[in-house]
Protein backbone atom coordinates (compact mmCIF):
# COMPACT_ATOMS: atom_id res chain seq x y z
CA ARG A 1 -0.49 0.09 0.01
CA LEU A 2 1.35 3.61 -0.77
CA ILE A 3 0.23 6.96 0.26
CA SER A 4 0.79 10.13 -1.06
CA PRO A 5 1.84 13.18 1.48
CA VAL A 6 -1.08 15.26 1.71
CA TYR A 7 -1.80 17.82 -1.20
CA PRO A 8 -3.45 20.88 -1.27
CA ILE A 9 -6.18 21.74 -3.38
CA THR A 10 -5.65 23.92 -6.64
CA ALA A 11 -8.67 25.94 -8.49
CA GLY A 12 -10.13 23.78 -11.20
CA GLY A 13 -8.95 20.73 -9.81
CA SER A 14 -5.50 18.56 -10.31
CA CYS A 15 -4.76 15.60 -12.41
CA LEU A 16 -3.41 12.49 -11.41
CA GLN A 17 -1.32 10.84 -14.10
CA PHE A 18 0.79 7.59 -13.46
CA PHE A 19 2.06 4.49 -15.60
CA TYR A 20 1.16 0.62 -14.37
CA HIS A 21 2.33 -2.36 -16.00
CA MET A 22 -0.18 -5.55 -15.08
CA TRP A 23 0.95 -8.68 -16.94
CA GLY A 24 0.57 -12.23 -16.45
CA GLN A 25 -2.15 -14.76 -15.09
CA THR A 26 -1.61 -13.91 -11.73
CA THR A 27 -2.06 -10.50 -12.00
CA GLY A 28 -4.72 -9.05 -9.59
CA ALA A 29 -6.27 -5.69 -9.55
CA LEU A 30 -4.74 -2.17 -8.59
CA ASN A 31 -7.25 0.32 -6.94
CA ILE A 32 -6.34 4.48 -6.58
CA PHE A 33 -8.22 5.93 -3.45
CA LEU A 34 -8.79 9.58 -2.50
CA LYS A 35 -8.63 10.69 0.88
CA THR A 36 -9.09 14.21 1.93
CA SER A 37 -7.59 15.56 4.65
CA ALA A 38 -11.08 16.75 6.53
CA GLY A 39 -12.74 12.93 6.20
CA ILE A 40 -11.43 9.30 7.06
CA GLU A 41 -13.07 7.67 4.42
CA GLU A 42 -11.17 6.70 1.05
CA THR A 43 -13.14 7.60 -2.13
CA PRO A 44 -12.33 5.10 -5.28
CA LEU A 45 -10.77 7.18 -8.08
CA TRP A 46 -9.54 4.59 -10.40
CA ALA A 47 -9.52 0.78 -10.73
CA LEU A 48 -8.13 -2.01 -13.04
CA SER A 49 -7.67 -5.93 -12.56
CA ARG A 50 -6.09 -8.70 -14.38
CA ASP A 51 -3.96 -9.00 -17.47
CA GLN A 52 -3.59 -6.03 -19.64
CA GLY A 53 -0.53 -7.10 -21.74
CA ASP A 54 2.93 -6.70 -21.67
CA TYR A 55 3.18 -3.18 -21.73
CA TRP A 56 3.49 0.03 -19.39
CA ARG A 57 0.21 1.90 -19.86
CA THR A 58 -0.51 5.68 -19.16
CA ALA A 59 -3.54 6.17 -16.92
CA ARG A 60 -5.09 9.36 -15.61
CA ALA A 61 -7.59 10.79 -13.11
CA THR A 62 -8.72 14.21 -12.42
CA ILE A 63 -9.23 14.51 -8.82
CA GLN A 64 -11.95 17.45 -7.24
CA ALA A 65 -11.30 18.00 -3.75
CA ALA A 66 -12.49 20.86 -1.32
CA LYS A 67 -9.74 20.00 0.81
CA GLY A 68 -6.60 18.64 0.65
CA PHE A 69 -6.00 15.17 -0.03
CA GLN A 70 -3.73 11.99 -0.46
CA VAL A 71 -3.58 9.43 -3.22
CA ILE A 72 -3.95 5.70 -1.66
CA ASP A 73 -2.46 2.77 -4.09
CA LEU A 74 -3.74 -0.48 -3.14
CA ILE A 75 -2.80 -3.29 -5.13
CA PHE A 76 -3.67 -7.38 -4.25
């Protein structure tokens, strides 16, 4: 599990961009959650599961938050 630092909000939102490689029959899931500094709940932001081919791929998600936020990565 990876947890980012707390980031401040920005006018118009923020963009999370990352690269992932999910290849093989035993590939599980990659789930990205958003946690605001005001709350304890984690909101699903992006998810993908199973074999996606032997390639590095780019993913993007828009973040709209009213308070500072953290990005949490859960792999299983």
